Amino acid sequence: MSSLLFIAQSNKDPYLACLNGVSTHPHYHDCENCEHVANKTCEYGVGKKTSKELRAAIDEGKSMLATYPKLDPSRLP
């Protein structure tokens, strides 16, 4: 293992691990707990977090929509 991979794996912040593809890091792609995402210096993490927030907002909007009753064929003209 190269020294860069060892440093990335032993660092508490997952940024170096994500940047170098060290998937064995315990917080690999844990963007919610990454300092670089909070500082908006990691494009991947900011995009991933924004996408997750947008998806949650869409799901919340879908659940808020009123469900329409099924059309009754006998009521149609």
Protein backbone atom coordinates (compact mmCIF):
# COMPACT_ATOMS: atom_id res chain seq x y z
CA MET A 1 0.00 0.00 0.00
CA SER A 2 1.40 3.35 -0.91
CA SER A 3 1.88 6.00 1.74
CA LEU A 4 -0.87 8.18 0.23
CA LEU A 5 -3.39 5.34 0.50
CA PHE A 6 -2.33 4.69 4.10
CA ILE A 7 -2.75 8.37 4.99
CA ALA A 8 -6.15 8.47 3.27
CA GLN A 9 -7.29 5.36 5.10
CA SER A 10 -6.07 6.50 8.52
CA ASN A 11 -7.42 10.05 8.23
CA LYS A 12 -10.70 10.72 10.09
CA ASP A 13 -12.05 12.94 7.30
CA PRO A 14 -13.10 10.80 4.30
CA TYR A 15 -12.12 13.40 1.67
CA LEU A 16 -8.72 11.88 0.80
CA ALA A 17 -10.20 8.39 0.73
CA CYS A 18 -12.98 9.47 -1.63
CA LEU A 19 -10.58 11.45 -3.80
CA ASN A 20 -8.23 8.47 -4.18
CA GLY A 21 -10.89 5.74 -4.31
CA VAL A 22 -9.95 4.06 -1.01
CA SER A 23 -13.24 2.21 -0.53
CA THR A 24 -11.92 0.46 2.60
CA HIS A 25 -12.15 3.73 4.54
CA PRO A 26 -14.88 3.40 7.21
CA HIS A 27 -16.49 6.68 6.10
CA TYR A 28 -16.02 6.32 2.33
CA HIS A 29 -18.59 8.61 0.63
CA ASP A 30 -20.10 9.58 4.00
CA CYS A 31 -20.85 13.07 2.71
CA GLU A 32 -23.09 14.09 5.60
CA ASN A 33 -20.12 13.94 7.99
CA CYS A 34 -17.42 15.35 5.69
CA GLU A 35 -15.81 18.71 6.43
CA HIS A 36 -15.19 19.36 2.72
CA VAL A 37 -18.87 19.03 1.87
CA ALA A 38 -19.74 21.47 4.67
CA ASN A 39 -17.15 23.91 3.27
CA LYS A 40 -18.36 23.21 -0.30
CA THR A 41 -14.87 22.29 -1.50
CA CYS A 42 -15.82 18.79 -2.70
CA GLU A 43 -17.87 18.97 -5.90
CA TYR A 44 -18.89 15.30 -5.75
CA GLY A 45 -20.07 15.49 -2.14
CA VAL A 46 -21.96 18.75 -2.59
CA GLY A 47 -23.70 17.32 -5.65
CA LYS A 48 -24.51 14.09 -3.87
CA LYS A 49 -25.88 15.91 -0.82
CA THR A 50 -27.92 18.31 -2.98
CA SER A 51 -29.30 15.40 -4.98
CA LYS A 52 -30.28 13.60 -1.79
CA GLU A 53 -32.01 16.72 -0.42
CA LEU A 54 -33.82 17.28 -3.74
CA ARG A 55 -34.97 13.66 -3.85
CA ALA A 56 -36.32 13.98 -0.27
CA ALA A 57 -38.19 17.17 -1.22
CA ILE A 58 -39.71 15.47 -4.28
CA ASP A 59 -40.79 12.47 -2.22
CA GLU A 60 -42.33 14.80 0.37
CA GLY A 61 -44.17 16.67 -2.38
CA LYS A 62 -45.50 13.43 -3.86
CA SER A 63 -46.82 12.34 -0.48
CA MET A 64 -48.55 15.71 -0.03
CA LEU A 65 -50.42 15.51 -3.33
CA ALA A 66 -54.04 14.60 -2.97
CA THR A 67 -54.82 11.18 -4.32
CA TYR A 68 -57.58 11.29 -6.88
CA PRO A 69 -60.30 8.64 -6.70
CA LYS A 70 -60.53 6.16 -9.51
CA LEU A 71 -62.77 7.22 -12.33
CA ASP A 72 -66.11 5.50 -12.25
CA PRO A 73 -67.09 4.51 -15.82
CA SER A 74 -70.77 4.91 -15.00
CA ARG A 75 -70.19 8.62 -14.23
CA LEU A 76 -68.64 9.39 -17.60
CA PRO A 77 -70.84 11.08 -20.22
